[in-house]
């Protein structure tokens, strides 16, 4: 598979993100804590999903709530204001592993970070998330 510039695009399942998802581990070299969404403040606008770089692909709309999978989150802050309109995303210094049911999203049929052809979604391509 190639992109519009003739570069080869690998399947998303052959990426470092896939390895982190498979082993459910955060790299030790990531110095920033993962981020978390404060559910009582979140308006489920999906802006964090759009802003999260696809090489991390940590923010998800779980249907009933928004969530950031800490093992996939580098703490880069791309989802923070002004992206998040209500400023409901915070560093999670004492994070706990993501619940098992959250792990059905990465590489599942509704993974917004995987393009239709199975490759990682390029940053300029909009995700496949639903809009309110």
Protein backbone atom coordinates (compact mmCIF):
# COMPACT_ATOMS: atom_id res chain seq x y z
CA UNK A 1 0.00 0.00 0.00
CA UNK A 2 1.27 3.45 -0.85
CA UNK A 3 0.11 6.95 0.08
CA UNK A 4 -0.44 9.94 -2.25
CA UNK A 5 3.33 10.63 -2.20
CA UNK A 6 4.36 7.11 -3.21
CA UNK A 7 5.49 6.14 0.29
CA UNK A 8 4.77 2.63 1.45
CA UNK A 9 2.25 2.42 4.27
CA UNK A 10 2.57 -0.57 6.58
CA UNK A 11 -0.47 -2.28 8.05
CA UNK A 12 -1.42 -0.70 11.37
CA UNK A 13 -1.04 -4.08 13.07
CA UNK A 14 2.72 -3.93 12.34
CA UNK A 15 3.30 -0.74 14.30
CA UNK A 16 4.73 0.14 17.72
CA UNK A 17 1.14 1.02 18.73
CA UNK A 18 0.10 -2.55 17.96
CA UNK A 19 2.92 -3.86 20.13
CA UNK A 20 1.88 -1.57 23.01
CA UNK A 21 -1.73 -2.72 22.62
CA UNK A 22 -0.79 -6.40 22.47
CA UNK A 23 1.40 -6.25 25.58
CA UNK A 24 -0.67 -3.53 27.26
CA UNK A 25 2.48 -1.75 28.35
CA UNK A 26 3.62 1.83 28.23
CA UNK A 27 7.23 2.40 27.12
CA UNK A 28 9.58 3.23 30.00
CA UNK A 29 11.15 6.04 27.96
CA UNK A 30 7.90 8.04 27.98
CA UNK A 31 8.67 10.58 30.68
CA UNK A 32 5.31 12.37 30.79
CA UNK A 33 2.41 10.73 32.62
CA UNK A 34 -0.55 9.59 30.53
CA UNK A 35 -3.57 11.83 30.39
CA UNK A 36 -7.06 11.05 31.65
CA UNK A 37 -10.51 12.45 30.95
CA UNK A 38 -12.57 13.68 33.89
CA UNK A 39 -15.96 12.17 33.02
CA UNK A 40 -18.00 14.64 35.09
CA UNK A 41 -16.63 17.50 32.96
CA UNK A 42 -16.50 15.85 29.51
CA UNK A 43 -19.11 16.74 26.88
CA UNK A 44 -18.17 13.80 24.57
CA UNK A 45 -17.31 16.06 21.63
CA UNK A 46 -14.66 13.64 20.23
CA UNK A 47 -12.12 16.47 19.76
CA UNK A 48 -9.53 14.48 21.72
CA UNK A 49 -9.91 11.53 19.34
CA UNK A 50 -9.33 13.76 16.32
CA UNK A 51 -6.30 15.42 17.93
CA UNK A 52 -4.55 12.31 19.28
CA UNK A 53 -1.68 11.40 16.92
CA UNK A 54 -2.40 8.10 15.18
CA UNK A 55 0.97 6.65 16.21
CA UNK A 56 -0.38 6.72 19.78
CA UNK A 57 -4.12 6.40 19.15
CA UNK A 58 -5.07 6.55 22.82
CA UNK A 59 -8.38 8.46 22.96
CA UNK A 60 -11.64 6.63 22.26
CA UNK A 61 -15.35 7.24 22.31
CA UNK A 62 -16.65 4.19 24.16
CA UNK A 63 -20.25 5.05 23.39
CA UNK A 64 -21.20 5.91 26.95
CA UNK A 65 -18.05 7.90 27.71
CA UNK A 66 -14.76 9.18 26.35
CA UNK A 67 -11.58 7.46 27.52
CA UNK A 68 -7.82 7.62 27.14
CA UNK A 69 -6.03 4.28 27.32
CA UNK A 70 -3.01 5.12 29.50
CA UNK A 71 -0.78 2.40 28.03
CA UNK A 72 -1.15 4.06 24.61
CA UNK A 73 -0.97 7.68 25.77
CA UNK A 74 2.45 9.36 25.51
CA UNK A 75 1.28 12.40 27.47
CA UNK A 76 2.05 14.65 24.49
CA UNK A 77 -0.83 17.02 25.25
CA UNK A 78 -2.13 17.35 21.68
CA UNK A 79 -5.67 16.83 23.06
CA UNK A 80 -5.43 19.59 25.68
CA UNK A 81 -6.97 23.07 25.23
CA UNK A 82 -7.61 24.70 22.94
CA UNK A 83 -8.51 21.33 21.36
CA UNK A 84 -10.60 20.23 24.34
CA UNK A 85 -13.28 22.91 24.62
CA UNK A 86 -14.07 22.22 28.29
CA UNK A 87 -10.55 21.53 29.63
CA UNK A 88 -11.47 18.12 31.09
CA UNK A 89 -8.19 16.30 30.36
CA UNK A 90 -5.57 16.04 33.10
CA UNK A 91 -2.20 14.36 33.68
CA UNK A 92 -2.68 11.08 35.53
CA UNK A 93 0.40 10.68 37.72
CA UNK A 94 -1.01 7.61 39.50
CA UNK A 95 -2.58 5.90 36.52
CA UNK A 96 -3.93 2.38 36.62
CA UNK A 97 -4.05 -0.05 33.68
CA UNK A 98 -7.01 0.32 31.36
CA UNK A 99 -9.99 -1.98 32.03
CA UNK A 100 -10.16 -5.07 29.83
CA UNK A 101 -13.27 -3.87 27.97
CA UNK A 102 -11.42 -0.75 26.72
CA UNK A 103 -8.97 -3.00 24.86
CA UNK A 104 -11.66 -4.07 22.37
CA UNK A 105 -11.32 -0.65 20.67
CA UNK A 106 -7.69 -0.59 19.48
CA UNK A 107 -7.62 -2.38 16.12
CA UNK A 108 -11.31 -3.23 16.42
CA UNK A 109 -13.77 -2.41 13.64
CA UNK A 110 -14.33 1.14 14.93
CA UNK A 111 -10.70 2.09 15.64
CA UNK A 112 -10.53 5.74 14.50
CA UNK A 113 -6.75 5.57 14.08
CA UNK A 114 -6.77 2.84 11.45
CA UNK A 115 -7.62 3.79 7.87
CA UNK A 116 -10.12 1.82 5.81
CA UNK A 117 -7.25 0.00 4.05
CA UNK A 118 -5.85 -1.26 7.40
CA UNK A 119 -2.91 1.16 7.58
CA UNK A 120 -2.34 3.83 10.22
CA UNK A 121 -4.52 6.88 9.60
CA UNK A 122 -2.37 9.75 8.33
CA UNK A 123 -2.54 12.92 10.46
CA UNK A 124 -4.28 14.91 7.72
CA UNK A 125 -6.98 12.31 7.11
CA UNK A 126 -10.10 12.71 9.25
CA UNK A 127 -11.01 9.82 11.51
CA UNK A 128 -14.03 7.58 11.10
CA UNK A 129 -15.58 8.67 14.40
CA UNK A 130 -19.20 9.58 14.65
CA UNK A 131 -20.16 13.19 15.20
CA UNK A 132 -23.01 14.33 17.42
